[in-house]
C-alpha atoms as a PDB file:
ATOM      1  CA  UNK A   1     111.292  89.357  99.579  1.00  0.00           C
ATOM      2  CA  UNK A   2     109.894  90.300 102.960  1.00  0.00           C
ATOM      3  CA  UNK A   3     107.185  92.813 103.827  1.00  0.00           C
ATOM      4  CA  UNK A   4     106.138  94.053 107.242  1.00  0.00           C
ATOM      5  CA  UNK A   5     102.560  94.461 108.385  1.00  0.00           C
ATOM      6  CA  UNK A   6     103.169  98.212 108.355  1.00  0.00           C
ATOM      7  CA  UNK A   7     104.197  98.122 104.679  1.00  0.00           C
ATOM      8  CA  UNK A   8     101.263  95.917 103.711  1.00  0.00           C
ATOM      9  CA  UNK A   9      98.805  98.135 105.557  1.00  0.00           C
ATOM     10  CA  UNK A  10     100.243 101.118 103.688  1.00  0.00           C
ATOM     11  CA  UNK A  11      99.797  99.391 100.322  1.00  0.00           C
ATOM     12  CA  UNK A  12      96.231  98.337 101.118  1.00  0.00           C
ATOM     13  CA  UNK A  13      95.282 101.468 103.087  1.00  0.00           C
ATOM     14  CA  UNK A  14      94.373  99.268 106.028  1.00  0.00           C
ATOM     15  CA  UNK A  15      94.494  99.500 109.826  1.00  0.00           C
ATOM     16  CA  UNK A  16      96.829  97.287 111.870  1.00  0.00           C
ATOM     17  CA  UNK A  17      95.753  95.351 114.913  1.00  0.00           C
ATOM     18  CA  UNK A  18      98.804  93.680 116.448  1.00  0.00           C
ATOM     19  CA  UNK A  19     102.539  93.840 115.739  1.00  0.00           C
ATOM     20  CA  UNK A  20     103.237  96.328 112.908  1.00  0.00           C
ATOM     21  CA  UNK A  21     106.810  95.019 112.507  1.00  0.00           C
ATOM     22  CA  UNK A  22     105.967  91.346 111.930  1.00  0.00           C
ATOM     23  CA  UNK A  23     107.287  90.255 108.531  1.00  0.00           C
ATOM     24  CA  UNK A  24     106.009  87.826 105.900  1.00  0.00           C
ATOM     25  CA  UNK A  25     107.578  86.370 102.759  1.00  0.00           C
ATOM     26  CA  UNK A  26     104.888  84.031 101.428  1.00  0.00           C
ATOM     27  CA  UNK A  27     101.131  83.725 100.840  1.00  0.00           C
ATOM     28  CA  UNK A  28      98.924  80.985 102.264  1.00  0.00           C
ATOM     29  CA  UNK A  29      95.372  79.777 102.732  1.00  0.00           C
ATOM     30  CA  UNK A  30      94.089  80.650 106.188  1.00  0.00           C
ATOM     31  CA  UNK A  31      93.621  76.968 107.085  1.00  0.00           C
ATOM     32  CA  UNK A  32      97.219  76.237 106.009  1.00  0.00           C
ATOM     33  CA  UNK A  33      98.848  79.366 107.412  1.00  0.00           C
ATOM     34  CA  UNK A  34     102.384  79.057 108.789  1.00  0.00           C
ATOM     35  CA  UNK A  35     104.683  81.563 110.488  1.00  0.00           C
ATOM     36  CA  UNK A  36     106.045  84.044 107.970  1.00  0.00           C
ATOM     37  CA  UNK A  37     102.972  83.849 105.736  1.00  0.00           C
ATOM     38  CA  UNK A  38     100.055  86.195 105.071  1.00  0.00           C
ATOM     39  CA  UNK A  39      96.466  85.076 104.494  1.00  0.00           C
ATOM     40  CA  UNK A  40      92.981  86.583 104.399  1.00  0.00           C
ATOM     41  CA  UNK A  41      89.475  85.984 105.722  1.00  0.00           C
ATOM     42  CA  UNK A  42      86.613  86.910 103.392  1.00  0.00           C
ATOM     43  CA  UNK A  43      84.286  83.902 103.489  1.00  0.00           C
ATOM     44  CA  UNK A  44      82.377  83.599 106.807  1.00  0.00           C
ATOM     45  CA  UNK A  45      82.538  79.799 106.495  1.00  0.00           C
ATOM     46  CA  UNK A  46      86.285  80.015 107.228  1.00  0.00           C
ATOM     47  CA  UNK A  47      85.992  82.277 110.277  1.00  0.00           C
ATOM     48  CA  UNK A  48      86.856  79.502 112.738  1.00  0.00           C
ATOM     49  CA  UNK A  49      90.306  79.148 111.161  1.00  0.00           C
ATOM     50  CA  UNK A  50      91.349  82.619 112.283  1.00  0.00           C
ATOM     51  CA  UNK A  51      91.582  81.338 115.864  1.00  0.00           C
ATOM     52  CA  UNK A  52      93.908  78.458 114.953  1.00  0.00           C
ATOM     53  CA  UNK A  53      95.933  79.690 111.971  1.00  0.00           C
ATOM     54  CA  UNK A  54      99.673  80.212 112.361  1.00  0.00           C
ATOM     55  CA  UNK A  55      99.796  82.835 109.587  1.00  0.00           C
ATOM     56  CA  UNK A  56     101.727  85.860 110.812  1.00  0.00           C
ATOM     57  CA  UNK A  57      99.331  88.326 109.171  1.00  0.00           C
ATOM     58  CA  UNK A  58      95.670  87.933 108.222  1.00  0.00           C
ATOM     59  CA  UNK A  59      93.749  90.483 106.170  1.00  0.00           C
ATOM     60  CA  UNK A  60      90.163  90.870 107.420  1.00  0.00           C
ATOM     61  CA  UNK A  61      87.174  93.070 106.709  1.00  0.00           C
ATOM     62  CA  UNK A  62      87.072  96.243 108.771  1.00  0.00           C
ATOM     63  CA  UNK A  63      83.917  95.104 110.555  1.00  0.00           C
ATOM     64  CA  UNK A  64      85.326  91.717 111.629  1.00  0.00           C
ATOM     65  CA  UNK A  65      84.687  91.110 115.348  1.00  0.00           C
ATOM     66  CA  UNK A  66      86.787  88.413 117.011  1.00  0.00           C
ATOM     67  CA  UNK A  67      85.055  86.161 119.568  1.00  0.00           C
ATOM     68  CA  UNK A  68      88.295  84.639 120.884  1.00  0.00           C
ATOM     69  CA  UNK A  69      92.064  85.176 120.980  1.00  0.00           C
ATOM     70  CA  UNK A  70      93.810  85.630 117.599  1.00  0.00           C
ATOM     71  CA  UNK A  71      97.553  84.962 117.296  1.00  0.00           C
ATOM     72  CA  UNK A  72      97.982  86.731 113.962  1.00  0.00           C
ATOM     73  CA  UNK A  73      98.449  90.419 113.340  1.00  0.00           C
ATOM     74  CA  UNK A  74      95.310  91.672 111.597  1.00  0.00           C
ATOM     75  CA  UNK A  75      95.150  94.202 108.778  1.00  0.00           C
ATOM     76  CA  UNK A  76      91.634  95.587 108.554  1.00  0.00           C
ATOM     77  CA  UNK A  77      90.467  96.738 105.101  1.00  0.00           C
ATOM     78  CA  UNK A  78      87.177  97.568 103.400  1.00  0.00           C
ATOM     79  CA  UNK A  79      87.136  94.279 101.444  1.00  0.00           C
ATOM     80  CA  UNK A  80      89.526  91.496 102.417  1.00  0.00           C
ATOM     81  CA  UNK A  81      89.032  89.478  99.213  1.00  0.00           C
ATOM     82  CA  UNK A  82      89.769  92.429  96.950  1.00  0.00           C
ATOM     83  CA  UNK A  83      92.759  93.455  99.066  1.00  0.00           C
ATOM     84  CA  UNK A  84      94.274  89.967  98.922  1.00  0.00           C
ATOM     85  CA  UNK A  85      93.762  89.899  95.149  1.00  0.00           C
ATOM     86  CA  UNK A  86      95.792  93.111  94.999  1.00  0.00           C
ATOM     87  CA  UNK A  87      98.603  91.402  96.910  1.00  0.00           C
ATOM     88  CA  UNK A  88      98.445  88.378  94.594  1.00  0.00           C
ATOM     89  CA  UNK A  89      98.810  90.669  91.604  1.00  0.00           C
ATOM     90  CA  UNK A  90     101.804  92.410  93.172  1.00  0.00           C
ATOM     91  CA  UNK A  91     103.370  89.050  94.075  1.00  0.00           C
ATOM     92  CA  UNK A  92     102.978  87.848  90.506  1.00  0.00           C
ATOM     93  CA  UNK A  93     104.525  91.020  89.127  1.00  0.00           C
ATOM     94  CA  UNK A  94     107.575  90.572  91.333  1.00  0.00           C
ATOM     95  CA  UNK A  95     107.893  86.858  90.555  1.00  0.00           C
ATOM     96  CA  UNK A  96     107.566  87.334  86.805  1.00  0.00           C
ATOM     97  CA  UNK A  97     109.648  90.511  86.594  1.00  0.00           C
ATOM     98  CA  UNK A  98     112.376  89.049  84.400  1.00  0.00           C
ATOM     99  CA  UNK A  99     114.673  91.046  82.129  1.00  0.00           C
ATOM    100  CA  UNK A 100     117.735  90.600  79.995  1.00  0.00           C
ATOM    101  CA  UNK A 101     118.572  88.453  76.993  1.00  0.00           C
ATOM    102  CA  UNK A 102     120.209  85.092  77.607  1.00  0.00           C
ATOM    103  CA  UNK A 103     123.438  84.325  75.772  1.00  0.00           C
ATOM    104  CA  UNK A 104     121.703  81.140  74.624  1.00  0.00           C
ATOM    105  CA  UNK A 105     118.786  82.989  72.991  1.00  0.00           C
ATOM    106  CA  UNK A 106     118.807  83.708  69.243  1.00  0.00           C
ATOM    107  CA  UNK A 107     117.508  87.017  67.891  1.00  0.00           C
ATOM    108  CA  UNK A 108     117.849  87.615  64.162  1.00  0.00           C
ATOM    109  CA  UNK A 109     119.823  90.648  63.037  1.00  0.00           C
ATOM    110  CA  UNK A 110     116.805  91.734  60.990  1.00  0.00           C
ATOM    111  CA  UNK A 111     114.348  91.524  63.896  1.00  0.00           C
ATOM    112  CA  UNK A 112     113.235  94.754  65.581  1.00  0.00           C
ATOM    113  CA  UNK A 113     113.310  94.473  69.352  1.00  0.00           C
ATOM    114  CA  UNK A 114     111.904  97.002  71.823  1.00  0.00           C
ATOM    115  CA  UNK A 115     113.243  98.131  75.172  1.00  0.00           C
ATOM    116  CA  UNK A 116     113.463  96.091  78.368  1.00  0.00           C
ATOM    117  CA  UNK A 117     112.648  92.692  76.881  1.00  0.00           C
ATOM    118  CA  UNK A 118     113.402  89.332  78.419  1.00  0.00           C
ATOM    119  CA  UNK A 119     114.465  86.396  76.250  1.00  0.00           C
ATOM    120  CA  UNK A 120     115.260  83.107  78.002  1.00  0.00           C
ATOM    121  CA  UNK A 121     117.483  80.234  77.009  1.00  0.00           C
ATOM    122  CA  UNK A 122     116.931  78.800  73.525  1.00  0.00           C
ATOM    123  CA  UNK A 123     114.257  81.354  72.639  1.00  0.00           C
ATOM    124  CA  UNK A 124     114.235  82.156  68.913  1.00  0.00           C
ATOM    125  CA  UNK A 125     113.161  85.423  67.281  1.00  0.00           C
ATOM    126  CA  UNK A 126     113.230  84.975  63.507  1.00  0.00           C
ATOM    127  CA  UNK A 127     113.922  87.299  60.597  1.00  0.00           C
ATOM    128  CA  UNK A 128     111.938  90.550  60.397  1.00  0.00           C
ATOM    129  CA  UNK A 129     109.941  89.817  63.529  1.00  0.00           C
ATOM    130  CA  UNK A 130     108.875  92.884  65.544  1.00  0.00           C
ATOM    131  CA  UNK A 131     108.980  92.672  69.339  1.00  0.00           C
ATOM    132  CA  UNK A 132     107.515  95.520  71.437  1.00  0.00           C
ATOM    133  CA  UNK A 133     108.673  97.006  74.718  1.00  0.00           C
ATOM    134  CA  UNK A 134     108.643  95.011  77.963  1.00  0.00           C
ATOM    135  CA  UNK A 135     107.898  91.730  76.204  1.00  0.00           C
ATOM    136  CA  UNK A 136     108.814  88.547  78.087  1.00  0.00           C
ATOM    137  CA  UNK A 137     109.900  85.586  75.967  1.00  0.00           C
ATOM    138  CA  UNK A 138     110.495  82.533  78.135  1.00  0.00           C
ATOM    139  CA  UNK A 139     112.862  79.652  77.268  1.00  0.00           C
ATOM    140  CA  UNK A 140     112.183  77.569  74.164  1.00  0.00           C
ATOM    141  CA  UNK A 141     109.730  80.055  72.647  1.00  0.00           C
ATOM    142  CA  UNK A 142     109.809  80.241  68.846  1.00  0.00           C
ATOM    143  CA  UNK A 143     108.691  83.401  67.029  1.00  0.00           C
ATOM    144  CA  UNK A 144     108.528  83.032  63.255  1.00  0.00           C
ATOM    145  CA  UNK A 145     109.390  85.339  60.377  1.00  0.00           C
ATOM    146  CA  UNK A 146     107.503  88.648  60.156  1.00  0.00           C
ATOM    147  CA  UNK A 147     105.578  87.967  63.356  1.00  0.00           C
ATOM    148  CA  UNK A 148     104.602  90.912  65.575  1.00  0.00           C
ATOM    149  CA  UNK A 149     104.381  90.828  69.377  1.00  0.00           C
ATOM    150  CA  UNK A 150     102.989  93.942  71.095  1.00  0.00           C
ATOM    151  CA  UNK A 151     104.163  95.763  74.217  1.00  0.00           C
ATOM    152  CA  UNK A 152     103.931  94.088  77.634  1.00  0.00           C
ATOM    153  CA  UNK A 153     103.025  90.679  76.238  1.00  0.00           C
ATOM    154  CA  UNK A 154     104.264  87.492  77.922  1.00  0.00           C
ATOM    155  CA  UNK A 155     105.007  84.259  76.062  1.00  0.00           C
ATOM    156  CA  UNK A 156     105.620  81.426  78.510  1.00  0.00           C
ATOM    157  CA  UNK A 157     108.012  78.531  77.899  1.00  0.00           C
ATOM    158  CA  UNK A 158     107.484  76.478  74.773  1.00  0.00           C
ATOM    159  CA  UNK A 159     105.031  78.770  72.963  1.00  0.00           C
ATOM    160  CA  UNK A 160     105.320  78.545  69.163  1.00  0.00           C
ATOM    161  CA  UNK A 161     104.355  81.559  67.065  1.00  0.00           C
ATOM    162  CA  UNK A 162     104.322  80.848  63.326  1.00  0.00           C
ATOM    163  CA  UNK A 163     105.260  83.383  60.679  1.00  0.00           C
ATOM    164  CA  UNK A 164     103.071  86.425  59.960  1.00  0.00           C
ATOM    165  CA  UNK A 165     101.184  86.120  63.270  1.00  0.00           C
ATOM    166  CA  UNK A 166     100.211  89.445  64.870  1.00  0.00           C
ATOM    167  CA  UNK A 167      99.822  89.572  68.669  1.00  0.00           C
ATOM    168  CA  UNK A 168      98.679  92.764  70.415  1.00  0.00           C
ATOM    169  CA  UNK A 169      99.625  94.473  73.655  1.00  0.00           C
ATOM    170  CA  UNK A 170      99.201  93.128  77.193  1.00  0.00           C
ATOM    171  CA  UNK A 171      98.586  89.545  76.109  1.00  0.00           C
ATOM    172  CA  UNK A 172      99.490  86.384  78.036  1.00  0.00           C
ATOM    173  CA  UNK A 173     100.094  83.106  76.206  1.00  0.00           C
ATOM    174  CA  UNK A 174     100.776  80.025  78.300  1.00  0.00           C
ATOM    175  CA  UNK A 175     103.154  77.141  77.701  1.00  0.00           C
ATOM    176  CA  UNK A 176     102.694  74.729  74.834  1.00  0.00           C
ATOM    177  CA  UNK A 177     100.300  76.864  72.815  1.00  0.00           C
ATOM    178  CA  UNK A 178     100.776  76.952  69.044  1.00  0.00           C
ATOM    179  CA  UNK A 179      99.560  79.962  67.074  1.00  0.00           C
ATOM    180  CA  UNK A 180      99.503  80.036  63.292  1.00  0.00           C
ATOM    181  CA  UNK A 181      99.732  76.357  62.399  1.00  0.00           C
ATOM    182  CA  UNK A 182      98.021  75.346  59.154  1.00  0.00           C
ATOM    183  CA  UNK A 183      94.251  75.180  58.940  1.00  0.00           C
ATOM    184  CA  UNK A 184      92.803  71.736  58.183  1.00  0.00           C
ATOM    185  CA  UNK A 185      91.947  72.007  54.484  1.00  0.00           C
ATOM    186  CA  UNK A 186      92.268  69.106  52.039  1.00  0.00           C
ATOM    187  CA  UNK A 187      90.548  68.522  48.694  1.00  0.00           C
ATOM    188  CA  UNK A 188      89.717  64.913  47.790  1.00  0.00           C
ATOM    189  CA  UNK A 189      91.000  63.743  44.412  1.00  0.00           C
ATOM    190  CA  UNK A 190      91.470  60.416  42.624  1.00  0.00           C
ATOM    191  CA  UNK A 191      95.104  60.542  43.670  1.00  0.00           C
ATOM    192  CA  UNK A 192      94.215  61.144  47.305  1.00  0.00           C
ATOM    193  CA  UNK A 193      93.687  64.184  49.496  1.00  0.00           C
ATOM    194  CA  UNK A 194      95.378  67.316  48.192  1.00  0.00           C
ATOM    195  CA  UNK A 195      96.461  69.837  50.811  1.00  0.00           C
ATOM    196  CA  UNK A 196      95.129  73.365  50.324  1.00  0.00           C
ATOM    197  CA  UNK A 197      97.901  75.861  51.136  1.00  0.00           C
ATOM    198  CA  UNK A 198      97.110  78.071  54.138  1.00  0.00           C
ATOM    199  CA  UNK A 199      98.465  81.510  53.256  1.00  0.00           C
ATOM    200  CA  UNK A 200      96.585  83.670  55.770  1.00  0.00           C
ATOM    201  CA  UNK A 201      97.603  84.464  59.353  1.00  0.00           C
ATOM    202  CA  UNK A 202      96.379  84.823  62.927  1.00  0.00           C
ATOM    203  CA  UNK A 203      95.600  88.217  64.482  1.00  0.00           C
ATOM    204  CA  UNK A 204      95.270  88.477  68.260  1.00  0.00           C
ATOM    205  CA  UNK A 205      94.186  91.851  69.607  1.00  0.00           C
ATOM    206  CA  UNK A 206      95.132  93.490  72.927  1.00  0.00           C
ATOM    207  CA  UNK A 207      94.523  92.071  76.412  1.00  0.00           C
ATOM    208  CA  UNK A 208      93.978  88.468  75.304  1.00  0.00           C
ATOM    209  CA  UNK A 209      94.947  85.521  77.514  1.00  0.00           C
ATOM    210  CA  UNK A 210      95.385  82.042  76.053  1.00  0.00           C
ATOM    211  CA  UNK A 211      95.810  78.975  78.262  1.00  0.00           C
ATOM    212  CA  UNK A 212      98.265  76.111  77.940  1.00  0.00           C
ATOM    213  CA  UNK A 213      98.366  73.730  74.975  1.00  0.00           C
ATOM    214  CA  UNK A 214      95.899  75.590  72.771  1.00  0.00           C
ATOM    215  CA  UNK A 215      96.046  75.512  68.969  1.00  0.00           C
ATOM    216  CA  UNK A 216      94.947  78.453  66.827  1.00  0.00           C
ATOM    217  CA  UNK A 217      95.129  77.791  63.082  1.00  0.00           C
ATOM    218  CA  UNK A 218      96.096  80.350  60.483  1.00  0.00           C
ATOM    219  CA  UNK A 219      93.513  81.332  57.882  1.00  0.00           C
ATOM    220  CA  UNK A 220      93.351  79.902  54.401  1.00  0.00           C
ATOM    221  CA  UNK A 221      93.024  83.504  53.187  1.00  0.00           C
ATOM    222  CA  UNK A 222      92.739  86.576  55.393  1.00  0.00           C
ATOM    223  CA  UNK A 223      92.988  86.115  59.152  1.00  0.00           C
ATOM    224  CA  UNK A 224      91.849  83.993  62.048  1.00  0.00           C
ATOM    225  CA  UNK A 225      90.989  86.678  64.630  1.00  0.00           C
ATOM    226  CA  UNK A 226      90.740  86.832  68.422  1.00  0.00           C
ATOM    227  CA  UNK A 227      89.304  90.209  69.346  1.00  0.00           C
ATOM    228  CA  UNK A 228      90.271  92.345  72.313  1.00  0.00           C
ATOM    229  CA  UNK A 229      89.800  90.853  75.780  1.00  0.00           C
ATOM    230  CA  UNK A 230      89.214  87.236  74.699  1.00  0.00           C
ATOM    231  CA  UNK A 231      90.156  84.646  77.351  1.00  0.00           C
ATOM    232  CA  UNK A 232      90.887  80.960  76.697  1.00  0.00           C
ATOM    233  CA  UNK A 233      91.316  78.131  79.157  1.00  0.00           C
ATOM    234  CA  UNK A 234      93.670  75.233  78.327  1.00  0.00           C
ATOM    235  CA  UNK A 235      93.228  72.872  75.365  1.00  0.00           C
ATOM    236  CA  UNK A 236      91.149  75.106  73.113  1.00  0.00           C
ATOM    237  CA  UNK A 237      91.291  74.552  69.347  1.00  0.00           C
ATOM    238  CA  UNK A 238      90.350  77.356  66.956  1.00  0.00           C
ATOM    239  CA  UNK A 239      90.233  76.431  63.271  1.00  0.00           C
ATOM    240  CA  UNK A 240      91.075  78.524  60.207  1.00  0.00           C
ATOM    241  CA  UNK A 241      89.230  81.802  59.562  1.00  0.00           C
ATOM    242  CA  UNK A 242      87.322  81.712  62.855  1.00  0.00           C
ATOM    243  CA  UNK A 243      86.595  85.048  64.536  1.00  0.00           C
ATOM    244  CA  UNK A 244      86.039  85.315  68.311  1.00  0.00           C
ATOM    245  CA  UNK A 245      84.335  88.530  69.462  1.00  0.00           C
ATOM    246  CA  UNK A 246      85.506  90.886  72.195  1.00  0.00           C
ATOM    247  CA  UNK A 247      85.570  89.684  75.797  1.00  0.00           C
ATOM    248  CA  UNK A 248      84.354  86.179  75.026  1.00  0.00           C
ATOM    249  CA  UNK A 249      85.413  83.317  77.329  1.00  0.00           C
ATOM    250  CA  UNK A 250      86.109  79.751  76.143  1.00  0.00           C
ATOM    251  CA  UNK A 251      86.907  77.106  78.756  1.00  0.00           C
ATOM    252  CA  UNK A 252      88.820  73.831  78.449  1.00  0.00           C
ATOM    253  CA  UNK A 253      88.472  71.544  75.428  1.00  0.00           C
ATOM    254  CA  UNK A 254      86.367  73.915  73.308  1.00  0.00           C
ATOM    255  CA  UNK A 255      86.615  73.284  69.557  1.00  0.00           C
ATOM    256  CA  UNK A 256      85.456  75.819  66.966  1.00  0.00           C
ATOM    257  CA  UNK A 257      85.442  74.646  63.349  1.00  0.00           C
ATOM    258  CA  UNK A 258      86.464  76.740  60.349  1.00  0.00           C
ATOM    259  CA  UNK A 259      84.962  80.109  59.398  1.00  0.00           C
ATOM    260  CA  UNK A 260      82.574  80.333  62.359  1.00  0.00           C
ATOM    261  CA  UNK A 261      82.003  83.833  63.762  1.00  0.00           C
ATOM    262  CA  UNK A 262      81.424  84.158  67.506  1.00  0.00           C
ATOM    263  CA  UNK A 263      80.014  87.382  68.938  1.00  0.00           C
ATOM    264  CA  UNK A 264      81.002  89.563  71.888  1.00  0.00           C
ATOM    265  CA  UNK A 265      80.754  88.614  75.563  1.00  0.00           C
ATOM    266  CA  UNK A 266      80.007  84.946  74.921  1.00  0.00           C
ATOM    267  CA  UNK A 267      80.715  82.295  77.572  1.00  0.00           C
ATOM    268  CA  UNK A 268      81.282  78.657  76.630  1.00  0.00           C
ATOM    269  CA  UNK A 269      81.705  75.940  79.266  1.00  0.00           C
ATOM    270  CA  UNK A 270      84.000  72.923  78.882  1.00  0.00           C
ATOM    271  CA  UNK A 271      83.956  70.553  75.911  1.00  0.00           C
ATOM    272  CA  UNK A 272      81.740  72.671  73.688  1.00  0.00           C
ATOM    273  CA  UNK A 273      81.961  71.836  69.988  1.00  0.00           C
ATOM    274  CA  UNK A 274      80.841  74.214  67.233  1.00  0.00           C
ATOM    275  CA  UNK A 275      80.633  73.196  63.580  1.00  0.00           C
ATOM    276  CA  UNK A 276      81.957  75.381  60.799  1.00  0.00           C
ATOM    277  CA  UNK A 277      80.486  78.369  58.947  1.00  0.00           C
ATOM    278  CA  UNK A 278      78.077  79.369  61.739  1.00  0.00           C
ATOM    279  CA  UNK A 279      77.303  82.673  63.422  1.00  0.00           C
ATOM    280  CA  UNK A 280      76.930  82.852  67.206  1.00  0.00           C
ATOM    281  CA  UNK A 281      75.178  85.980  68.526  1.00  0.00           C
ATOM    282  CA  UNK A 282      76.559  88.287  71.229  1.00  0.00           C
ATOM    283  CA  UNK A 283      76.166  87.323  74.908  1.00  0.00           C
ATOM    284  CA  UNK A 284      75.469  83.674  74.148  1.00  0.00           C
ATOM    285  CA  UNK A 285      76.055  81.142  76.949  1.00  0.00           C
ATOM    286  CA  UNK A 286      76.666  77.490  76.060  1.00  0.00           C
ATOM    287  CA  UNK A 287      76.790  74.860  78.806  1.00  0.00           C
ATOM    288  CA  UNK A 288      79.321  72.031  79.107  1.00  0.00           C
ATOM    289  CA  UNK A 289      79.525  69.247  76.502  1.00  0.00           C
ATOM    290  CA  UNK A 290      77.087  70.959  74.158  1.00  0.00           C
ATOM    291  CA  UNK A 291      77.255  70.624  70.385  1.00  0.00           C
ATOM    292  CA  UNK A 292      76.247  73.581  68.216  1.00  0.00           C
ATOM    293  CA  UNK A 293      75.136  72.578  64.723  1.00  0.00           C
ATOM    294  CA  UNK A 294      73.122  75.661  63.685  1.00  0.00           C
ATOM    295  CA  UNK A 295      73.698  79.399  63.865  1.00  0.00           C
ATOM    296  CA  UNK A 296      72.422  81.263  66.927  1.00  0.00           C
ATOM    297  CA  UNK A 297      70.982  84.600  65.850  1.00  0.00           C
ATOM    298  CA  UNK A 298      69.220  85.807  69.015  1.00  0.00           C
ATOM    299  CA  UNK A 299      71.601  87.515  71.498  1.00  0.00           C
ATOM    300  CA  UNK A 300      71.703  86.556  75.147  1.00  0.00           C
ATOM    301  CA  UNK A 301      70.427  82.983  74.925  1.00  0.00           C
ATOM    302  CA  UNK A 302      71.507  79.965  76.990  1.00  0.00           C
ATOM    303  CA  UNK A 303      71.923  76.637  75.165  1.00  0.00           C
ATOM    304  CA  UNK A 304      72.669  73.067  76.202  1.00  0.00           C
ATOM    305  CA  UNK A 305      72.643  69.553  74.804  1.00  0.00           C
ATOM    306  CA  UNK A 306      73.975  67.936  71.652  1.00  0.00           C
ATOM    307  CA  UNK A 307      72.606  69.110  69.325  1.00  0.00           C
ATOM    308  CA  UNK A 308      72.060  72.097  71.589  1.00  0.00           C
ATOM    309  CA  UNK A 309      68.814  74.028  71.993  1.00  0.00           C
ATOM    310  CA  UNK A 310      67.287  76.441  74.503  1.00  0.00           C
ATOM    311  CA  UNK A 311      68.426  75.440  77.993  1.00  0.00           C
ATOM    312  CA  UNK A 312      64.983  75.749  79.626  1.00  0.00           C
ATOM    313  CA  UNK A 313      63.396  73.521  76.987  1.00  0.00           C
ATOM    314  CA  UNK A 314      66.292  71.089  77.310  1.00  0.00           C
ATOM    315  CA  UNK A 315      65.784  70.757  81.069  1.00  0.00           C
ATOM    316  CA  UNK A 316      62.064  70.063  80.618  1.00  0.00           C
ATOM    317  CA  UNK A 317      62.796  67.491  77.916  1.00  0.00           C
ATOM    318  CA  UNK A 318      65.405  65.838  80.119  1.00  0.00           C
ATOM    319  CA  UNK A 319      62.811  65.253  82.841  1.00  0.00           C
ATOM    320  CA  UNK A 320      60.809  63.194  80.338  1.00  0.00           C
ATOM    321  CA  UNK A 321      63.967  61.406  79.184  1.00  0.00           C
ATOM    322  CA  UNK A 322      64.756  60.310  82.738  1.00  0.00           C
ATOM    323  CA  UNK A 323      61.215  58.941  83.059  1.00  0.00           C
ATOM    324  CA  UNK A 324      61.304  56.964  79.798  1.00  0.00           C
ATOM    325  CA  UNK A 325      61.755  53.626  81.575  1.00  0.00           C
ATOM    326  CA  UNK A 326      58.752  54.249  83.810  1.00  0.00           C
ATOM    327  CA  UNK A 327      56.684  55.493  80.867  1.00  0.00           C
ATOM    328  CA  UNK A 328      57.645  52.406  78.829  1.00  0.00           C
ATOM    329  CA  UNK A 329      56.547  50.150  81.679  1.00  0.00           C
ATOM    330  CA  UNK A 330      53.216  51.979  81.905  1.00  0.00           C
ATOM    331  CA  UNK A 331      52.636  51.597  78.147  1.00  0.00           C
ATOM    332  CA  UNK A 332      53.466  47.880  78.347  1.00  0.00           C
ATOM    333  CA  UNK A 333      51.017  47.465  81.238  1.00  0.00           C
ATOM    334  CA  UNK A 334      48.269  49.342  79.351  1.00  0.00           C
ATOM    335  CA  UNK A 335      48.797  47.205  76.229  1.00  0.00           C
ATOM    336  CA  UNK A 336      48.649  44.041  78.307  1.00  0.00           C
ATOM    337  CA  UNK A 337      45.457  45.216  80.013  1.00  0.00           C
ATOM    338  CA  UNK A 338      43.944  46.141  76.652  1.00  0.00           C
ATOM    339  CA  UNK A 339      44.613  42.662  75.255  1.00  0.00           C
ATOM    340  CA  UNK A 340      43.142  41.010  78.331  1.00  0.00           C
ATOM    341  CA  UNK A 341      39.996  43.194  78.125  1.00  0.00           C
ATOM    342  CA  UNK A 342      39.502  42.334  74.479  1.00  0.00           C
END
């Protein structure tokens, strides 16, 4: 799909400097711009590229002042970064605007399906599942019995939704993620480990995004819950009966053990591990590779280390840790001197 500079300026409410009829069909970085592409300049560190780029159109801030000849048509806007983000969003909407049900998809006769859905090849919607309006179900997605998927939700290829799972509106779930698999519960016995049946479910509220290859276990009883606005990176594991509070962010390789409750607006960096049956207060920040072994009850704290504690105290302690070799040498020298003096 092609757009002219005139059309783009109209969408972004910008001013054109150059050829208003030049057309573009792709997006590019300014340093990699080619004819037929559109780019943007927001970071001053990249200003020199505007004089060499071959991008047909470049979005710039309204106060940009060129100091040399520019080949590209410029579209001047109040904020070039925000304007380009708007174009990216529009591009994504066009690219992902799929509809229709493939002849190779299976939808149970007892399932309830809303309007304008997309179901790709080999997608499966099981008995008594409820699918909202404008839902996109990519190829090889499995949706189990009695599951619910809310309006405008997208399930990318290979997502597996177990039975009884409830997913809200405007959610995005990326490829390879499994929602509703059994929680890890076994009781030791003389005959060996006895599996505890997992009869709960998973509830995901509205506007949640889950990255690729995540695993969210169903509850033993009740529900494992992801509250509204939660965002996961790839490779996150959430165990049975965990609750993640509104608008919390978990990045790659986070693991949260069973029955832990995480508050609102928390931010966890990569490879954070949290043991079970804890409470994590609202607005908590946990740095990468930290291990949480005790509940955090004070909101707004920053924690690091394994086991983790207050980040400022950790940094001070780490200075001493890095100096341990020098301190050990000093102690050895003092002991030697003491023996010689005696």
